[in-house]
Amino acid sequence: MDEYNIAKLMFSYQLLTSVIGAFLQIDTYDQPGVEKSKDILKESFT
């Protein structure tokens, strides 16, 4: 398997994730847990 086919495979899985997320009405690019952990970390430094 060469780089071109690996890139095609990765793109296919990324597209599949987006399509399934839209079908399930889930924002697959939202990261509320990441933002919450950033806020907690900021609070711990103050």
Protein backbone atom coordinates (compact mmCIF):
# COMPACT_ATOMS: atom_id res chain seq x y z
CA MET A 1 0.00 0.00 0.00
CA ASP A 2 1.50 3.32 -1.06
CA GLU A 3 0.98 6.87 0.22
CA TYR A 4 -1.76 7.64 -2.30
CA ASN A 5 -3.90 4.69 -1.24
CA ILE A 6 -3.34 5.41 2.45
CA ALA A 7 -4.50 9.00 1.88
CA LYS A 8 -7.59 7.74 0.02
CA LEU A 9 -8.39 5.38 2.88
CA MET A 10 -7.97 8.13 5.50
CA PHE A 11 -10.17 10.49 3.49
CA SER A 12 -12.83 7.81 3.14
CA TYR A 13 -12.96 7.26 6.91
CA GLN A 14 -13.07 11.02 7.58
CA LEU A 15 -15.92 11.41 5.11
CA LEU A 16 -17.72 8.42 6.61
CA THR A 17 -17.40 9.95 10.08
CA SER A 18 -18.92 13.22 8.85
CA VAL A 19 -21.78 11.51 7.03
CA ILE A 20 -22.69 9.25 9.95
CA GLY A 21 -22.47 12.22 12.33
CA ALA A 22 -24.84 14.23 10.13
CA PHE A 23 -27.21 11.27 9.91
CA LEU A 24 -27.23 10.93 13.71
CA GLN A 25 -27.44 14.75 14.11
CA ILE A 26 -24.12 14.86 15.94
CA ASP A 27 -21.58 17.64 15.36
CA THR A 28 -18.52 15.46 14.84
CA TYR A 29 -16.18 18.46 15.00
CA ASP A 30 -17.43 19.85 18.30
CA GLN A 31 -15.13 19.25 21.26
CA PRO A 32 -17.00 20.28 24.41
CA GLY A 33 -14.90 17.99 26.61
CA VAL A 34 -11.70 19.60 25.37
CA GLU A 35 -12.99 23.10 26.06
CA LYS A 36 -14.19 22.10 29.53
CA SER A 37 -10.80 20.59 30.38
CA LYS A 38 -9.07 23.78 29.18
CA ASP A 39 -11.30 25.85 31.44
CA ILE A 40 -10.57 23.58 34.41
CA LEU A 41 -6.83 23.82 33.73
CA LYS A 42 -6.98 27.62 33.48
CA GLU A 43 -8.85 27.80 36.79
CA SER A 44 -6.24 25.63 38.48
CA PHE A 45 -3.50 28.12 37.55
CA THR A 46 -5.34 31.11 39.06
